[in-house]
Amino acid sequence: MEKFDLKKELKLLYQPSAKEVARLDVPAMNFLMSDGEGDPNTAPAFAEATEALFAVSYTLKFMVKKSTLAIDYGVMPLEGLWWTEDMAKFSIEDKSGWKWTLMIAQPAFVSKEMVDTAIAEVKRKKNPNAISRLRFDAFTEGECAQILHIGPFSAEGPTIAKVHRFIEASGYMLRGKHHEIYLSDIRKAAPEKWKTVIRQPMQIN
């Protein structure tokens, strides 16, 4: 059986340095996605979306493993795009107005038909609340700056500021949505050891 590690194949995207901000060009990739809004710490929709995304992603993994493709691959980490209608009011202190898209990257060999089958299977077995809100779509981010943040989410402020300073010093400006990739299992790891990729799309100023 073939083994495939998408995170390893895309090392530059998913294993950045924690010391220096890096510039990179993020290619188009396919994601399982779910949109929502509200404070991720208290909004039921956030936990529901996470549950549905992982349930379908793991179902896809085992489907592919048992299919004629016979590929064994690891499920990718949860990612989040974050924004508010008025980005000037985007505040870490008040998250009630946050909007988000949670997503999990899928290997290129996973098709829309496979996703539809996996969603139907999860709906039949568990029927999680957010299953109807899932979508499968391509996402192209293009030129970005990113760094690895180590520590709790509440301490991300200086790391985000470092990325923004790098973008401005490089003659670029921010565009698009704040992007985070959650590499740690926060149920098991201590907050001071959490690893989160902080990514920000940018464009020439």
Foldseek 3Di string as FASTA:
>chain_A
DAEDEVCVVPVCVNPFAQPDKDKDFFFKFKKKKFKDAFDCVPDPVNVLRVVLQVQLQVLLQVVCCPDPVNYHYDWFFKKKWKAAPDNVPDDPVGRGRIIMMIITTDDPVQDPVSSVVSLVVCCVPPNGPCSVRIDMDMDGQTIKIKHKDAAAPSPCVVVLVNRQVVQVVVQKHFDGTWMKTWPDDPVPDDRRGTIIMTMTRIGHD
